[in-house]
C-alpha atoms as a PDB file:
ATOM      1  CA  MET A   1      58.305 141.649 118.442  1.00  0.00           C
ATOM      2  CA  ARG A   2      60.256 144.401 116.710  1.00  0.00           C
ATOM      3  CA  LEU A   3      59.305 146.898 119.388  1.00  0.00           C
ATOM      4  CA  ALA A   4      60.160 144.515 122.213  1.00  0.00           C
ATOM      5  CA  VAL A   5      63.587 143.839 120.732  1.00  0.00           C
ATOM      6  CA  GLN A   6      64.246 147.556 120.168  1.00  0.00           C
ATOM      7  CA  ALA A   7      63.355 148.285 123.774  1.00  0.00           C
ATOM      8  CA  GLY A   8      65.515 145.445 125.053  1.00  0.00           C
ATOM      9  CA  GLN A   9      62.501 143.625 126.500  1.00  0.00           C
ATOM     10  CA  PRO A  10      62.501 139.840 126.861  1.00  0.00           C
ATOM     11  CA  LEU A  11      60.066 137.870 124.757  1.00  0.00           C
ATOM     12  CA  GLU A  12      57.269 135.961 126.435  1.00  0.00           C
ATOM     13  CA  SER A  13      56.934 132.190 126.103  1.00  0.00           C
ATOM     14  CA  SER A  14      53.814 132.759 123.937  1.00  0.00           C
ATOM     15  CA  SER A  15      56.029 134.458 121.335  1.00  0.00           C
ATOM     16  CA  ILE A  16      58.335 131.453 121.284  1.00  0.00           C
ATOM     17  CA  ILE A  17      55.343 129.081 121.001  1.00  0.00           C
ATOM     18  CA  MET A  18      54.008 131.086 118.062  1.00  0.00           C
ATOM     19  CA  LEU A  19      57.381 131.108 116.304  1.00  0.00           C
ATOM     20  CA  ARG A  20      57.718 127.337 116.786  1.00  0.00           C
ATOM     21  CA  ARG A  21      54.304 126.814 115.193  1.00  0.00           C
ATOM     22  CA  LEU A  22      55.161 129.098 112.297  1.00  0.00           C
ATOM     23  CA  ARG A  23      58.449 127.260 111.800  1.00  0.00           C
ATOM     24  CA  ALA A  24      56.707 123.848 111.817  1.00  0.00           C
ATOM     25  CA  GLU A  25      54.107 125.023 109.295  1.00  0.00           C
ATOM     26  CA  LEU A  26      56.757 126.595 107.081  1.00  0.00           C
ATOM     27  CA  LEU A  27      58.790 123.367 107.045  1.00  0.00           C
ATOM     28  CA  LYS A  28      55.674 121.431 105.978  1.00  0.00           C
ATOM     29  CA  ILE A  29      55.296 123.427 102.768  1.00  0.00           C
ATOM     30  CA  VAL A  30      58.814 124.616 101.875  1.00  0.00           C
ATOM     31  CA  SER A  31      61.941 122.614 101.257  1.00  0.00           C
ATOM     32  CA  GLY A  32      65.407 123.216  99.939  1.00  0.00           C
ATOM     33  CA  PRO A  33      68.268 125.539 100.803  1.00  0.00           C
ATOM     34  CA  CYS A  34      66.079 128.418 101.962  1.00  0.00           C
ATOM     35  CA  VAL A  35      64.918 126.391 105.009  1.00  0.00           C
ATOM     36  CA  GLY A  36      67.484 123.599 105.116  1.00  0.00           C
ATOM     37  CA  GLU A  37      69.324 125.028 108.085  1.00  0.00           C
ATOM     38  CA  PHE A  38      66.581 126.868 109.916  1.00  0.00           C
ATOM     39  CA  PRO A  39      67.596 126.864 113.586  1.00  0.00           C
ATOM     40  CA  GLU A  40      65.478 125.305 116.302  1.00  0.00           C
ATOM     41  CA  ILE A  41      63.662 127.838 118.434  1.00  0.00           C
ATOM     42  CA  ASP A  42      63.958 127.548 122.201  1.00  0.00           C
ATOM     43  CA  GLU A  43      63.805 129.652 125.340  1.00  0.00           C
ATOM     44  CA  THR A  44      67.553 130.241 125.351  1.00  0.00           C
ATOM     45  CA  ALA A  45      67.481 132.120 122.012  1.00  0.00           C
ATOM     46  CA  LYS A  46      68.142 135.817 122.208  1.00  0.00           C
ATOM     47  CA  PRO A  47      65.224 138.087 121.224  1.00  0.00           C
ATOM     48  CA  ALA A  48      67.219 139.637 118.356  1.00  0.00           C
ATOM     49  CA  ASP A  49      67.921 136.153 116.968  1.00  0.00           C
ATOM     50  CA  LEU A  50      64.244 135.237 117.208  1.00  0.00           C
ATOM     51  CA  LEU A  51      63.321 138.432 115.383  1.00  0.00           C
ATOM     52  CA  VAL A  52      65.706 137.578 112.544  1.00  0.00           C
ATOM     53  CA  ILE A  53      64.256 134.053 112.306  1.00  0.00           C
ATOM     54  CA  ALA A  54      60.715 135.466 112.262  1.00  0.00           C
ATOM     55  CA  GLU A  55      61.572 138.006 109.568  1.00  0.00           C
ATOM     56  CA  VAL A  56      63.237 135.376 107.371  1.00  0.00           C
ATOM     57  CA  MET A  57      60.271 133.037 107.775  1.00  0.00           C
ATOM     58  CA  ASN A  58      57.840 135.808 106.890  1.00  0.00           C
ATOM     59  CA  GLY A  59      59.887 136.855 103.876  1.00  0.00           C
ATOM     60  CA  THR A  60      60.183 133.236 102.730  1.00  0.00           C
ATOM     61  CA  LEU A  61      56.441 132.703 102.956  1.00  0.00           C
ATOM     62  CA  ASP A  62      55.741 136.004 101.183  1.00  0.00           C
ATOM     63  CA  ALA A  63      58.005 134.966  98.295  1.00  0.00           C
ATOM     64  CA  PHE A  64      55.711 132.081  97.481  1.00  0.00           C
ATOM     65  CA  LEU A  65      52.421 134.037  97.554  1.00  0.00           C
ATOM     66  CA  SER A  66      50.605 134.869  94.347  1.00  0.00           C
ATOM     67  CA  PRO A  67      49.504 138.506  94.002  1.00  0.00           C
ATOM     68  CA  GLU A  68      45.970 137.430  95.014  1.00  0.00           C
ATOM     69  CA  GLU A  69      47.250 135.582  98.083  1.00  0.00           C
ATOM     70  CA  GLY A  70      49.343 138.583  99.033  1.00  0.00           C
ATOM     71  CA  GLU A  71      46.277 140.793  98.833  1.00  0.00           C
ATOM     72  CA  GLU A  72      44.309 138.275 100.907  1.00  0.00           C
ATOM     73  CA  LYS A  73      47.059 138.314 103.520  1.00  0.00           C
ATOM     74  CA  ARG A  74      46.993 142.115 103.666  1.00  0.00           C
ATOM     75  CA  ARG A  75      43.204 142.105 104.036  1.00  0.00           C
ATOM     76  CA  PHE A  76      43.395 139.447 106.776  1.00  0.00           C
ATOM     77  CA  PHE A  77      45.635 141.735 108.814  1.00  0.00           C
ATOM     78  CA  GLY A  78      43.572 144.834 107.995  1.00  0.00           C
ATOM     79  CA  PHE A  79      46.098 146.472 105.668  1.00  0.00           C
ATOM     80  CA  ASP A  80      43.614 147.013 102.851  1.00  0.00           C
ATOM     81  CA  ARG A  81      42.198 150.094 104.483  1.00  0.00           C
ATOM     82  CA  VAL A  82      43.954 153.227 105.608  1.00  0.00           C
ATOM     83  CA  ASP A  83      42.220 155.774 107.810  1.00  0.00           C
ATOM     84  CA  VAL A  84      43.595 159.306 107.551  1.00  0.00           C
ATOM     85  CA  GLY A  85      42.774 162.158 109.911  1.00  0.00           C
ATOM     86  CA  LEU A  86      40.914 162.428 113.201  1.00  0.00           C
ATOM     87  CA  GLY A  87      37.288 162.753 114.259  1.00  0.00           C
ATOM     88  CA  PRO A  88      34.996 164.293 111.673  1.00  0.00           C
ATOM     89  CA  LEU A  89      37.976 164.885 109.376  1.00  0.00           C
ATOM     90  CA  ARG A  90      38.769 161.155 109.149  1.00  0.00           C
ATOM     91  CA  VAL A  91      38.731 159.708 105.621  1.00  0.00           C
ATOM     92  CA  GLY A  92      38.859 155.987 104.873  1.00  0.00           C
ATOM     93  CA  LEU A  93      40.830 154.877 101.832  1.00  0.00           C
ATOM     94  CA  GLY A  94      40.930 151.402 100.337  1.00  0.00           C
ATOM     95  CA  HIS A  95      38.788 148.282 100.313  1.00  0.00           C
ATOM     96  CA  GLY A  96      35.434 148.560 102.072  1.00  0.00           C
ATOM     97  CA  SER A  97      35.975 152.143 103.114  1.00  0.00           C
ATOM     98  CA  ALA A  98      32.859 154.049 104.004  1.00  0.00           C
ATOM     99  CA  GLY A  99      34.535 157.363 103.308  1.00  0.00           C
END
């Protein structure tokens, strides 16, 4: 989404559907001022506005994660392993790396 907004590209309806689902799930588990005035998400919203909403939702969810849950989230998205180099010079660093 960040790249699409930077390039001035419109967002697809699937992006809006995903953001709506994330918003609905967030509102199920979080209450109070941090989400009290979260805007509705619809097809008329500008991509930059949707990006801001997504970033705030992500940051809000991250604020409630324990260190273990944060690590689990990073592993889920594959951020527990960093590959450095190319071809035979490639070295894996982090969880589950084969070296």
